[in-house]
Amino acid sequence: SSEWSAPSDPLDILIAGQISDRPSLSVQPGPTVTSGEKVTLLCQSWDPMFTFLLTKEGAAHPPLRLRSMYGAHKYQAEFPMSPVTSAHAGTYRCYGSRSSNPYLLSHPSEPLELVVSGEGADPVHSELKGVLGNEKGELP
């Protein structure tokens, strides 16, 4: 038969490690917050980046992509998570890309593990395991 099926949804192929810079990933307002509060993951780079992508290890969704903003001699993007729940627990990384080719990405940031201990008033802990020397896209 010469009939074609309906086209599939597009699939973006992203190639990491094509930009030498490695952005940093941190959490605000601090390493411990109360469940239900607003948490913001902050991706930053000293090198010019047009967009930042946030990935969650093991997630089936594509990464979140935000346009970077320049301030205090750094390029950055803020990824808000509100209200934070146990579904947000996991390991996050961010990548930078330039406007010339949005599919070529930087090396990943060091992993940031967000641990949510229970519901209600239990705190949310986050730690940068990469800083200690240890070595899945869209937020739930």
C-alpha atoms as a PDB file:
ATOM      1  CA  SER A   1       0.000   0.000   0.000  1.00  0.00           C
ATOM      2  CA  SER A   2       1.249   3.490  -0.795  1.00  0.00           C
ATOM      3  CA  GLU A   3      -0.617   5.175   2.035  1.00  0.00           C
ATOM      4  CA  TRP A   4       1.335   6.700   4.881  1.00  0.00           C
ATOM      5  CA  SER A   5       0.287   6.718   8.505  1.00  0.00           C
ATOM      6  CA  ALA A   6      -0.153   9.959  10.406  1.00  0.00           C
ATOM      7  CA  PRO A   7       3.216  11.433  11.403  1.00  0.00           C
ATOM      8  CA  SER A   8       4.524  10.730  14.877  1.00  0.00           C
ATOM      9  CA  ASP A   9       5.112  13.428  17.427  1.00  0.00           C
ATOM     10  CA  PRO A  10       8.491  15.108  16.865  1.00  0.00           C
ATOM     11  CA  LEU A  11      11.449  13.822  18.856  1.00  0.00           C
ATOM     12  CA  ASP A  12      14.218  16.260  19.738  1.00  0.00           C
ATOM     13  CA  ILE A  13      17.698  14.754  19.867  1.00  0.00           C
ATOM     14  CA  LEU A  14      19.908  16.701  22.256  1.00  0.00           C
ATOM     15  CA  ILE A  15      23.687  16.217  22.317  1.00  0.00           C
ATOM     16  CA  ALA A  16      25.409  17.049  25.612  1.00  0.00           C
ATOM     17  CA  GLY A  17      29.064  17.951  26.052  1.00  0.00           C
ATOM     18  CA  GLN A  18      29.233  20.136  22.938  1.00  0.00           C
ATOM     19  CA  ILE A  19      29.851  23.333  24.947  1.00  0.00           C
ATOM     20  CA  SER A  20      32.870  23.239  27.246  1.00  0.00           C
ATOM     21  CA  ASP A  21      31.191  25.133  30.081  1.00  0.00           C
ATOM     22  CA  ARG A  22      29.473  23.251  32.906  1.00  0.00           C
ATOM     23  CA  PRO A  23      26.633  25.203  34.562  1.00  0.00           C
ATOM     24  CA  SER A  24      25.967  25.029  38.290  1.00  0.00           C
ATOM     25  CA  LEU A  25      22.673  23.912  39.833  1.00  0.00           C
ATOM     26  CA  SER A  26      21.506  25.033  43.266  1.00  0.00           C
ATOM     27  CA  VAL A  27      18.281  25.182  45.250  1.00  0.00           C
ATOM     28  CA  GLN A  28      16.580  28.183  46.849  1.00  0.00           C
ATOM     29  CA  PRO A  29      15.621  29.383  49.436  1.00  0.00           C
ATOM     30  CA  GLY A  30      18.075  26.964  51.028  1.00  0.00           C
ATOM     31  CA  PRO A  31      18.931  23.335  51.609  1.00  0.00           C
ATOM     32  CA  THR A  32      15.907  22.702  53.868  1.00  0.00           C
ATOM     33  CA  VAL A  33      12.329  23.785  53.206  1.00  0.00           C
ATOM     34  CA  THR A  34       8.953  22.730  54.539  1.00  0.00           C
ATOM     35  CA  SER A  35       6.783  20.485  52.382  1.00  0.00           C
ATOM     36  CA  GLY A  36       4.277  22.589  50.460  1.00  0.00           C
ATOM     37  CA  GLU A  37       6.587  25.572  50.165  1.00  0.00           C
ATOM     38  CA  LYS A  38       7.931  27.036  46.953  1.00  0.00           C
ATOM     39  CA  VAL A  39      11.294  25.627  45.901  1.00  0.00           C
ATOM     40  CA  THR A  40      13.320  27.062  43.037  1.00  0.00           C
ATOM     41  CA  LEU A  41      16.118  25.261  41.228  1.00  0.00           C
ATOM     42  CA  LEU A  42      18.641  27.790  39.920  1.00  0.00           C
ATOM     43  CA  CYS A  43      20.864  27.010  36.940  1.00  0.00           C
ATOM     44  CA  GLN A  44      23.785  29.433  36.419  1.00  0.00           C
ATOM     45  CA  SER A  45      26.754  29.883  34.104  1.00  0.00           C
ATOM     46  CA  TRP A  46      29.542  32.421  33.725  1.00  0.00           C
ATOM     47  CA  ASP A  47      29.643  31.677  29.983  1.00  0.00           C
ATOM     48  CA  PRO A  48      26.911  33.058  27.704  1.00  0.00           C
ATOM     49  CA  MET A  49      23.953  30.679  27.503  1.00  0.00           C
ATOM     50  CA  PHE A  50      20.754  31.383  25.595  1.00  0.00           C
ATOM     51  CA  THR A  51      18.645  28.753  27.351  1.00  0.00           C
ATOM     52  CA  PHE A  52      18.956  26.309  30.235  1.00  0.00           C
ATOM     53  CA  LEU A  53      17.437  22.833  30.366  1.00  0.00           C
ATOM     54  CA  LEU A  54      16.511  21.040  33.580  1.00  0.00           C
ATOM     55  CA  THR A  55      16.368  17.246  33.588  1.00  0.00           C
ATOM     56  CA  LYS A  56      15.139  14.826  36.219  1.00  0.00           C
ATOM     57  CA  GLU A  57      16.796  11.413  36.242  1.00  0.00           C
ATOM     58  CA  GLY A  58      14.416   8.668  35.123  1.00  0.00           C
ATOM     59  CA  ALA A  59      11.645  11.025  33.990  1.00  0.00           C
ATOM     60  CA  ALA A  60       9.840  10.103  30.778  1.00  0.00           C
ATOM     61  CA  HIS A  61       9.067  13.724  29.919  1.00  0.00           C
ATOM     62  CA  PRO A  62      11.325  16.032  27.922  1.00  0.00           C
ATOM     63  CA  PRO A  63      13.510  18.509  29.824  1.00  0.00           C
ATOM     64  CA  LEU A  64      12.164  21.866  30.909  1.00  0.00           C
ATOM     65  CA  ARG A  65      13.744  24.667  28.873  1.00  0.00           C
ATOM     66  CA  LEU A  66      13.861  28.309  29.990  1.00  0.00           C
ATOM     67  CA  ARG A  67      15.409  31.401  28.417  1.00  0.00           C
ATOM     68  CA  SER A  68      18.390  32.607  30.405  1.00  0.00           C
ATOM     69  CA  MET A  69      18.571  36.011  32.021  1.00  0.00           C
ATOM     70  CA  TYR A  70      21.780  37.962  32.607  1.00  0.00           C
ATOM     71  CA  GLY A  71      22.556  39.547  35.948  1.00  0.00           C
ATOM     72  CA  ALA A  72      25.435  39.870  38.430  1.00  0.00           C
ATOM     73  CA  HIS A  73      27.883  38.841  35.669  1.00  0.00           C
ATOM     74  CA  LYS A  74      26.124  35.462  35.272  1.00  0.00           C
ATOM     75  CA  TYR A  75      23.555  33.853  33.006  1.00  0.00           C
ATOM     76  CA  GLN A  76      20.816  32.065  34.902  1.00  0.00           C
ATOM     77  CA  ALA A  77      17.344  30.531  34.831  1.00  0.00           C
ATOM     78  CA  GLU A  78      15.008  29.836  37.736  1.00  0.00           C
ATOM     79  CA  PHE A  79      12.872  26.688  37.641  1.00  0.00           C
ATOM     80  CA  PRO A  80      10.099  27.000  40.269  1.00  0.00           C
ATOM     81  CA  MET A  81       8.520  23.959  41.930  1.00  0.00           C
ATOM     82  CA  SER A  82       5.434  24.861  43.911  1.00  0.00           C
ATOM     83  CA  PRO A  83       4.142  23.373  46.083  1.00  0.00           C
ATOM     84  CA  VAL A  84       6.912  20.829  46.558  1.00  0.00           C
ATOM     85  CA  THR A  85       5.765  17.226  47.180  1.00  0.00           C
ATOM     86  CA  SER A  86       7.307  13.758  47.299  1.00  0.00           C
ATOM     87  CA  ALA A  87       6.785  13.573  43.517  1.00  0.00           C
ATOM     88  CA  HIS A  88       9.537  16.191  43.142  1.00  0.00           C
ATOM     89  CA  ALA A  89      12.109  13.936  44.837  1.00  0.00           C
ATOM     90  CA  GLY A  90      14.916  12.827  42.560  1.00  0.00           C
ATOM     91  CA  THR A  91      18.198  13.756  40.966  1.00  0.00           C
ATOM     92  CA  TYR A  92      18.320  16.877  38.807  1.00  0.00           C
ATOM     93  CA  ARG A  93      20.895  18.246  36.371  1.00  0.00           C
ATOM     94  CA  CYS A  94      20.916  21.326  34.205  1.00  0.00           C
ATOM     95  CA  TYR A  95      22.469  22.027  30.816  1.00  0.00           C
ATOM     96  CA  GLY A  96      23.056  25.216  28.853  1.00  0.00           C
ATOM     97  CA  SER A  97      22.581  25.848  25.139  1.00  0.00           C
ATOM     98  CA  ARG A  98      23.353  28.708  22.770  1.00  0.00           C
ATOM     99  CA  SER A  99      21.003  30.341  20.273  1.00  0.00           C
ATOM    100  CA  SER A 100      23.106  29.203  17.293  1.00  0.00           C
ATOM    101  CA  ASN A 101      22.094  25.566  17.870  1.00  0.00           C
ATOM    102  CA  PRO A 102      19.620  24.767  20.681  1.00  0.00           C
ATOM    103  CA  TYR A 103      20.211  21.004  20.283  1.00  0.00           C
ATOM    104  CA  LEU A 104      23.898  21.164  21.247  1.00  0.00           C
ATOM    105  CA  LEU A 105      24.230  21.316  25.022  1.00  0.00           C
ATOM    106  CA  SER A 106      26.896  22.002  27.592  1.00  0.00           C
ATOM    107  CA  HIS A 107      28.284  19.368  29.903  1.00  0.00           C
ATOM    108  CA  PRO A 108      25.763  18.636  32.691  1.00  0.00           C
ATOM    109  CA  SER A 109      25.882  20.385  36.038  1.00  0.00           C
ATOM    110  CA  GLU A 110      26.862  18.332  39.042  1.00  0.00           C
ATOM    111  CA  PRO A 111      23.806  16.312  40.131  1.00  0.00           C
ATOM    112  CA  LEU A 112      21.516  17.812  42.736  1.00  0.00           C
ATOM    113  CA  GLU A 113      19.541  15.278  44.749  1.00  0.00           C
ATOM    114  CA  LEU A 114      16.238  16.526  46.128  1.00  0.00           C
ATOM    115  CA  VAL A 115      15.026  14.292  48.967  1.00  0.00           C
ATOM    116  CA  VAL A 116      11.459  14.745  50.198  1.00  0.00           C
ATOM    117  CA  SER A 117      10.909  13.136  53.588  1.00  0.00           C
ATOM    118  CA  GLY A 118       7.175  12.509  53.928  1.00  0.00           C
ATOM    119  CA  GLU A 119       4.227  14.851  53.587  1.00  0.00           C
ATOM    120  CA  GLY A 120       2.773  17.639  55.695  1.00  0.00           C
ATOM    121  CA  ALA A 121       5.272  19.590  57.769  1.00  0.00           C
ATOM    122  CA  ASP A 122       8.217  17.278  57.067  1.00  0.00           C
ATOM    123  CA  PRO A 123      11.159  19.165  55.601  1.00  0.00           C
ATOM    124  CA  VAL A 124      12.554  18.775  52.132  1.00  0.00           C
ATOM    125  CA  HIS A 125      16.302  18.227  52.084  1.00  0.00           C
ATOM    126  CA  SER A 126      18.566  18.806  49.169  1.00  0.00           C
ATOM    127  CA  GLU A 127      22.251  18.259  48.880  1.00  0.00           C
ATOM    128  CA  LEU A 128      24.793  18.630  46.148  1.00  0.00           C
ATOM    129  CA  LYS A 129      26.348  15.184  46.184  1.00  0.00           C
ATOM    130  CA  GLY A 130      28.733  16.211  43.431  1.00  0.00           C
ATOM    131  CA  VAL A 131      30.429  18.649  45.797  1.00  0.00           C
ATOM    132  CA  LEU A 132      31.230  15.705  48.081  1.00  0.00           C
ATOM    133  CA  GLY A 133      32.803  13.808  45.190  1.00  0.00           C
ATOM    134  CA  ASN A 134      29.979  11.340  44.482  1.00  0.00           C
ATOM    135  CA  GLU A 135      28.944  10.683  41.281  1.00  0.00           C
ATOM    136  CA  LYS A 136      15.442  11.489  35.257  1.00  0.00           C
ATOM    137  CA  GLY A 137      12.732  15.748  31.750  1.00  0.00           C
ATOM    138  CA  GLU A 138       9.839  17.627  33.002  1.00  0.00           C
ATOM    139  CA  LEU A 139       8.938  18.108  36.638  1.00  0.00           C
ATOM    140  CA  PRO A 140       5.990  16.089  37.933  1.00  0.00           C
END
